[in-house]
Protein backbone atom coordinates (compact mmCIF):
# COMPACT_ATOMS: atom_id res chain seq x y z
CA MET A 1 0.17 0.01 -0.03
CA SER A 2 1.94 3.44 -0.98
CA GLU A 3 2.25 6.19 1.84
CA GLU A 4 -0.98 8.10 0.49
CA LEU A 5 -3.35 5.47 1.28
CA LYS A 6 -1.85 4.30 4.18
CA SER A 7 -1.96 7.82 5.46
CA ALA A 8 -5.43 8.02 4.62
CA ALA A 9 -6.72 5.31 6.11
CA ALA A 10 -4.89 6.16 9.18
CA TRP A 11 -6.31 9.63 9.10
CA ALA A 12 -9.90 8.85 8.53
CA ALA A 13 -9.00 5.68 11.51
CA GLN A 14 -8.21 8.90 13.72
CA GLY A 15 -11.51 10.64 12.72
CA HIS A 16 -10.48 13.30 10.30
CA LYS A 17 -11.85 14.08 6.78
CA VAL A 18 -9.63 13.43 4.47
CA ALA A 19 -9.49 13.59 0.19
CA LEU A 20 -7.52 11.86 -2.12
CA GLY A 21 -6.18 13.73 -5.49
CA THR A 22 -5.28 11.14 -8.61
CA VAL A 23 -3.55 11.75 -11.72
CA LEU A 24 -5.51 10.09 -14.37
CA ALA A 25 -3.77 10.87 -17.62
CA THR A 26 -1.02 13.27 -18.96
CA TRP A 27 -0.07 15.07 -22.07
CA GLY A 28 3.01 16.30 -22.87
CA SER A 29 5.77 17.18 -20.57
CA ALA A 30 4.24 16.42 -16.61
CA PRO A 31 6.28 16.09 -13.82
CA ARG A 32 4.26 13.46 -11.94
CA PRO A 33 2.94 10.20 -13.92
CA SER A 34 -0.47 8.81 -13.93
CA GLY A 35 -1.10 7.40 -10.84
CA SER A 36 0.56 9.68 -8.49
CA GLN A 37 -1.84 10.09 -5.43
CA ILE A 38 -1.87 13.18 -2.72
CA ALA A 39 -3.48 12.36 0.50
CA VAL A 40 -5.36 15.97 2.14
CA ARG A 41 -6.24 15.91 6.01
CA ASP A 42 -9.15 18.24 7.00
CA ASP A 43 -6.28 20.33 8.62
CA GLY A 44 -4.72 20.94 5.59
CA VAL A 45 -1.68 18.48 6.04
CA PHE A 46 -0.78 16.38 3.03
CA VAL A 47 0.95 13.33 1.81
CA GLY A 48 2.20 12.93 -1.50
CA SER A 49 2.30 14.90 -5.22
CA VAL A 50 0.63 15.09 -7.90
CA SER A 51 2.64 17.58 -9.55
CA GLY A 52 5.77 18.29 -7.85
CA GLY A 53 4.32 20.98 -6.70
CA CYS A 54 3.00 23.35 -9.13
CA VAL A 55 -0.79 22.54 -8.57
CA GLU A 56 -0.51 21.08 -5.08
CA GLY A 57 -2.11 24.67 -4.09
CA ALA A 58 -5.15 24.36 -6.15
CA ILE A 59 -5.54 20.16 -5.29
CA ILE A 60 -5.88 20.73 -2.03
CA GLU A 61 -7.83 23.94 -2.13
CA ALA A 62 -10.21 21.07 -4.17
CA ALA A 63 -10.04 18.32 -1.27
CA GLN A 64 -11.05 20.50 1.49
CA GLU A 65 -14.23 21.37 -1.25
CA ALA A 66 -14.52 17.94 -1.48
CA MET A 67 -14.52 16.97 2.10
CA THR A 68 -17.12 19.62 3.02
CA ASP A 69 -19.77 18.61 0.39
CA GLY A 70 -18.67 14.81 -0.20
CA LYS A 71 -18.79 15.70 -4.15
CA ILE A 72 -15.88 14.14 -6.76
CA ARG A 73 -13.78 16.45 -8.80
CA ARG A 74 -12.38 16.33 -12.73
CA LEU A 75 -9.60 19.20 -12.67
CA GLU A 76 -7.38 19.73 -15.43
CA PHE A 77 -4.62 21.70 -15.66
CA GLY A 78 -2.76 23.22 -18.98
CA VAL A 79 -0.50 25.56 -20.58
CA SER A 80 -3.44 26.20 -23.10
CA ASN A 81 -5.69 26.97 -19.88
CA GLN A 82 -4.97 30.18 -18.03
CA THR A 83 -5.68 28.25 -14.59
CA ALA A 84 -2.43 26.64 -15.42
CA TRP A 85 -0.72 30.21 -15.75
CA ASP A 86 -2.16 30.47 -12.29
CA VAL A 87 -1.37 27.89 -9.96
CA GLY A 88 2.15 27.99 -11.95
CA LEU A 89 1.88 24.68 -14.42
CA ALA A 90 3.74 26.38 -17.06
CA CYS A 91 6.10 23.32 -18.51
CA GLY A 92 4.25 22.63 -21.37
CA GLY A 93 1.89 19.53 -20.69
CA ARG A 94 -1.20 18.87 -19.28
CA ILE A 95 -2.71 17.27 -16.33
CA GLU A 96 -5.73 15.39 -15.10
CA ILE A 97 -6.34 14.77 -11.90
CA LEU A 98 -9.82 13.23 -9.63
CA VAL A 99 -10.21 14.75 -6.34
CA GLU A 100 -12.45 12.70 -4.37
CA PRO A 101 -13.58 12.28 -0.47
CA VAL A 102 -12.75 9.46 1.36
CA THR A 103 -15.29 8.17 3.24
């Protein structure tokens, strides 16, 4: 079991709300491969990486929202998307990430 999943399970067992972010697909230059994960706890603590740092802030924010409303999010960042520049993904590729609350 990955460190991200171990942490998510432990945090949930301790009573924390938790969300996971998973890289679904990448195109072009991307810092982390498909399957990479980040586990986010309700107090903002996180383990793992989905982008080597360039979109983690946006993913943590989406994870917090997912923990609040229980809804899954599918996010895409890329250089043709203004959001990509806002979060720092100017590496020339695209990345698609699934953010889901852990129940």
